Structures are given as structure tokens and as C-alpha cells.
């Protein structure tokens, strides 16, 4: 037999003779006592409740009160109560509970009231501006801790009744200065007689500094009338016993002085803001002093002159301003002005006595004298008040719109010159004759000046002519009129005349019927601008290659048109040129005659088969670096392709001709051996496809890296029926899959794709991919006591984050973030995730934390081992278990032995309770023994006895 079992037998012998497990009345019996004048004896500060219990109470229990007002008056362990700290008369109950027998008893105290001590010796004072005077503050006593009850009744004495008392608060402001009597009564409690205390309160009048009226002057005012300025005159309703103070002007000689010299203020300090304070002190220290301030403002003022030049319309209307800098500071201002009484405003910067501002041109009428006047000045930077009165005389000026108008002419043609809005010497639109000259500058820069002549004006306008002999050559001429005795403006009267020389020869249309294997060629001359007459046309046919002239002839015709045929039936198969030429008269404005020559190639030979091509061809502009050309049209044909603008056009289009959207082109082919062109032209209509670039509500979308965003996550708007194609460049580049993962701050380019055509223009999108770092915790384990019912808030102690929030989850991925009030669950792993509230992004990885619920100090949780149980299936005390042991000592083991040392039960956290059985048999009543190994830290095993009583 081991030593542990020997010690258990020792306990067994100690218990011999115990036949019953007796539970006594260990909490005592209820008791009621009456205490009338607790304030009369300081011993009531340590009143022993345990001594008041009836019966035979046993110490070791605890005391409690259901009244929160008595909580701090009661020592719950000793049952000592401080009755002086119970400040409410009436019934107070205290409950004693002894857990050994699980019984309770109550001590009830009927407590008489204490109204405090009278305060009638003049020490109760209040200020007449106090609307919340707490009368409780005037009761109590000089003995430390002796405080009146707070549930008594305050009343006004009828002799000083005001009606301004509500509970314990008196409105002294409404009642006004005076002496008021109040009584505070605590009523009878059982046999305890009620008591009354009296307070005599004196309400003192508050000081009154009155209302202050401030004064404003301008820096250029005459201050001679203010050399004896009495500050008292600026007050209204003040007490007369106040004193004046000031902020450093030395205007006040002493506290009785109230007269200042404003002329000296300005002479010594210039424009400034001066503050003088009137202070009234209270007649009793319960009131506070009162102050008001009189502000003397001497404001800067604009005192100066303005000048506006007479200018030409279209130029800035600049006004120069000079002013007295001693009366106005440097800075930025808004100038208010009127033009002929119409208001305007302009910003300006003034410095050291000068500046300028610009007038709104829409306010100024043209070609008349206007009056400009400054009406206001407002400070902007620095912001400070400026005198509303400005001292600036008005000025006048004129905005003229004088100009010269000419028209372009042909060489040797007379030029017409108009001068408009000319003002006479008085500034009015000119009327009558004025001596005029003009200077003419040739294209080679040489100049000539005309002789003077009298020019008649009507309402400012006149016209003169320059002979065509002055315009022998084509080019640009400048005419500059000079008109005497007119108003001086800086309007430029010069203007330019463009003189057109004889144009190049006009190309007339020549239409040749260029049919292969034709027996003749039809020639049509169409010259509708020629007048009717007889004209000579010369033509010939030349063999290409040898330049041999095979046929030559002339034709005469009357009128503007002619038609004739060139017989080529006898010509052998080959290539030829037909030419026509003529010299004719012309009726254009700048020419009398012209000459022209037209040539057209033709062939004799077989006609090639017509080309094959789709009548409508669509070109995706994004497939062409520049623009599609004729060479890009798909045509199947033998020989050379020939493109024309129309079905009958004779001019072949260059193969590099850029295509035009919606245009019709006509294509035929030509045999390269015979130069014979097909007779049929195939019409092809081209159309361009260039869908509109896509749009997006934002081109800088933000994504969270943990979501692994791709191009498919970017919201792009395209027209119905279209899709989006992504590229890695604004032009060209490689197409990207929509599954391409986004890279932070990398640009991607979206094109609209419609029926296989991508838009030329691409939308650049530069996403922000926010990556939130994995959180850093101070530990991967949290040790707490499970008996404290810890919540998620306990995990916050592990956090080290300053820039992000930390959210806690019960899952490694997904799931819902837990709030701080969620209880922690034992044997559960929690996961910490960084969360950026500004972006809404989280870390991609969560950090696991395990919880240890066993960090409990047994002494703090009333840890105890029961000494008995009664397994009689009555639902009470049916098993022997140790409360909270599985939390405080999760690795514990428990063994139950009978008095012979036989082991009846072995338990642990998974099987913590003994049900009083020995295997399948029932253990009899009696004493048993337990051995507990805590298996935590250095806690020693413990052994003891327990009693089983069914």
C-alpha cells in the first residue's frame, strides 16, 4: 500500500464516530432595529450588522445590499456599515449569506433622518446671476463625513416666498438680490421624530458693465473735435463704479481716467484698431467681475487720382491709380467703380502709392466720352476693413472703334477705301469735310503718299478711291489713311488690299469616248463661259511609243460647245493618244483670254472580261496604320486594275488614293499588252467601321489584391451588341485575355469590338490594386481565464497595427467578421485579418491564434472542493464535481477511493464528475477520499475527504 493511501486511512480513523452530516442554521435569523439620530454618535460609522443577527450565525459569509446608494457604505466581508454614508432616511436592508449552509438572513434598519445643521450666520451667499443655486451646499456640518440626508423636503419661508424653488435648486437670477429663508425637513420614521434645518441665503447683486458702442473713423477724418473723447459716453446701462484699462496707447493716466485723445492715437499709431475695457467688480466675492470693450477703429482710406487713356476698342481698358500710401496699406483689393453710373468691380494689387485696374469693356459705350468714378474699395489680402468713403475725383475717356475697310481687287483695278467711326476733335462722330491723305505700301515694301484731298464724313463714315494705276503687280498692299483735325486715338487705320494677278490658263473638259476596238473616238468640247463666236480647235492622233502623228485636223464651231469624231477604224491594234488644243477669250474678273490643251490615251484591241468584286466592302480602320487606300479593295481581275470616281469619269485614280467612308468607286481592268480597257466598270461601295471607344465611370478603378482582380472585373461600357477587347498599348500592341490578372498602376487599353472590328480609339484604364500586408501579432496564443467569459475584445491586446484595422474571424477564409462582444469559444482557433477602412481591402492571409482558457488564479474565482454530495436522483447535488476545475486546471486528474483504498473512479476534463457508483454497483453512504493532480505549473497534488449521503 502506497503512502497516499496510508494518509487516507488516517483521515478515516479521524472520522470514526460521525454518524450524521448535520447542517445548522449558520446564517442566523432576521432582525429589525431602529436608529433615530445616527449623526449624534460617530460610533455609527462602524455599525456591526453581524452583531444584530438573531439565532446562532456562523462567520465566514458575505453581506449584500440591494440599494446601490448603500453599496460603498457596506463592507461586504465584515458586515460593518458606515451609517453616516447612508444619506437617505427610511428602511435599509442588508442580507447575510453563508455558503456553507446556503442560507441567508436579513438585517433591516429603520433609519431616522438627518437634515444637516442650520446655516443662518451669513455664510450662505449666492450671486444674482446664478439660476441654479444648489441649497444642499449650505447644509451639513463641520464634522468630516457628517452629511445631511438627500431625500428630505426643501421649502421657502412664507416671509420671503419667491416661487423660484424647485426641489433643492433655487433660481437666484429670477428672484433677484435679497435675503431668503429656506427650511429643509426630514419627516418622522416610525418612532423617530422628523427634524428641520434652516438656511438664510443672501443673494448679492451681480456687477453690470453695460453695453459698449464702438466707434469707426477714416484715416483722413478731421480728429480735432475728438481730442477729449470720453469713453463713458460709449456705454449704456453700466454700473458707475467701474474702471477703464487700455492696450498700450498710454491714453489713460489712471483707473479713474476715461478721456482719450483720438488725434493723438492717430498721430502716434496711424490707422489701427484700439480697445479700451471697462471693468466692474462685484460687491461680494460670490459674484464675478464683468467687462465690456469699446473698440476705436481708425480705418485706412483711398485718397488719390485716376487716369484713363483714350484707347481703341479691343484693347484692355487699363486705369492708372495713384494714392497717398500713408493712408492705405499695400495689398490686394476689389475696386468698385461706375461707368456713366453703371456699376462694375475689378481686382487690383496696390503697392507704395500706385497701381492699376481694368474696366469691364461691356460697360463702356463706344465713340463717346464716358465718366469713370471709383465708388468703393474692399481689402482682400490682407483682409482688413477699409474706409467705405474713397477720395478719388472722377475722370473721363473715350473708347473709339475707328477702322479702315477695303476689298480685294485685280491688278490695275481701282480700290475702294472706307473709313468708319472717325471722331472729330471734340470726340464726336465726324461730320463735314476733313483734309485727308493716305500712304500706300507696295508688295516690295516701297511707299507712296497721296496728295491731300478733302473727304466728306457723315456720322463718322466716308469713302475714297485709289486709282488702279497704283496696282500694277499682284500681291499685298497696305493703305494707311491720315485725317487731320480728328480725335487722337491709337486705333490702327491701316488695312491690307490683296491684288490678284492674271490667273493661270483654265483647263477645259475634254471627253473622249475611249472604247477598245472602237472605229471612232467622240470628242466633246464644253466651254460654257465663252461667249458665242467662232473658235478653232486643233486635234491630232499620235501612236504611243513612236510618237508618230497618224492624223491631224482642225474644226471650227460657233458657241460654247463643239462635238466631232476622230475616225480610228483603220488603225491597227495598239495604243494611241488623241490631243486637242485652243486659244480662247475669257470673261473671268481678272483675265481676258486663256489657252488649253487636252490629251487622252486610247487603244485598239480586245476588251478584257469585267472584274469580280463584292459590291459592298467594310474596312476596319483599326487594321490600317494610316487610312485604307484603293489598293486595299479586294478585286479579282486579269490585267491592271483601274479605279474611277464615277462610272463615266475618265481620270484614273492613283492606286494610293485614300478611301472615303461611304464613297462609291468604279473599277475596271486593262490588258497590259494592248492597253485596252474593259467596257464594264464594277461599282464598289466602301464603308468604314470604327466603333466608338468604350467608356467607363472611372478610368482609375480600385481593387483589392486579395480578390485577385482580372481585366474581367473592370467595368466598361460599350454599345449594345458590342464587346470589349483589351490591349497592352494605346495603339498596336498585343491583345490580352480577360483573365489577365491586374497589376497595380499598370495601364490597360480597352477597344470596342463590333462585328469583328475594333475601335481605333482605345480607353486607357489604370487600376489601383491595393495590397494589404498580413497583420503582425505579438503572439500566436492568447491566455485568458474562461471564467471571465472573455470576448473578441480580449484578442485586441495581441494587435500591433497602427495603419489598419484588425478584424477577427473563426474561419481561415471567408466567413463574417466577429464583433468585440462575441464570446470566445474554447478549443477554437481564431484568425486575424488586416483591414484598411479607407480602401475596404483586407490582407490575403489571416494569422491564426489559439486560445488558452486556463489562465485563472484560483484565489480570484472562489475555487473550492465540495466535501459531500447526495446522489439520490433528485436533481440536486447528484454528482461529485469540482466547479470550474476543467477551466482553471484543464489537465487535472481526479481519483475517488473508499476507506479501504480501493479506487472507485478516475476522472479528467472529459469525465469530471463521479455519480456515486462503484462500477455497476451503488456505493454506500459514508466517507470517501479524493486525490487531485492539478498538472499545471508547480501546483502540488491535493487529497481530502468527502461524504456521500443518499
Foldseek 3Di string as FASTA:
>chain_A
DDPVLVVLLVVVVVCPPDDDDDDDPQAAAAAEEEDFCCVVDQVLQFDQPSVRGHDHHHADWFKDFPDVQQHVQADGRRRTGGVQSQQAAAKTKMKTADPVRRDIYIYIYRYHFFAFAAADPAPAEAELQAQWDQQLVRGHDPDPSRGGHQPWAKDWDPVLDDPQDDGRTGGSNVSDFDKTKMKTKGDDGVPHHIDIYMYIYTYFYAAFQAAFDAEEAELPDDQPVQQWPFRVVRGDPHDPPKFKDWDPPPQAPDRVDRTGGVVSVCVPPNFDKIKMKIKDQGPDVNHGIDIDIHIYGHFAAWAWEKDWEAAEPPDWRKIKIFGDCSRDPWAKKKWWKAKQHHIDIWIWTDDDGITMTTDDVVRADAQDKIKMDTQAMAGDVVHDGHDGGHHYDIDIYHHYHWEKDWEAEAAQAKTKIKIARWAAQVSFQDAAWWWKKKWKADQVRDIDIDDIDIWGDDRNMTMDMDGNVVGHDFDKMKMFMDTPRTHDYPDGHIDIYGYHAADAFDEWDWAWPFAAQDQKIKTKTAAQQAAWDKWKKKKWKAAPPVRHTDDIDMDIDTHRMDMDMGGCNPPDWAKMKMKMWGKGAGDDRRGGIHIYMDMDMHGYDDAFDWKDADQEEEAQQLVDPPADFQVPGDIGGPAAKFKDQDFRDRDTDPRRHGDDAQGKIWIWHAHPVRRGIHPHTRIHTYHYDAFDAKDAPDLAAEAEVLVQAFLLPGDIDGDPQKDKWKAQDQGDGDTDDRSHGADAQRWIWIWIAHPNHTHNGTDIHHYHHDADAEFAFQDQEAEAAVVVQAFQLSRCVRGDDDQWDKFKAQDFDDGDTDDRPHGDDAPTKMWIWTAHVVRRYIHNGTRIHHYQNQPDDCVVVVFDAAQEAELPPPPGRQWGFGPPLCRNQVAKKKWKAASVRHTQDIDHSVRGIHRQARVPHHHDWDKIKMWMDSPDDPDDIDMDMHTYHD
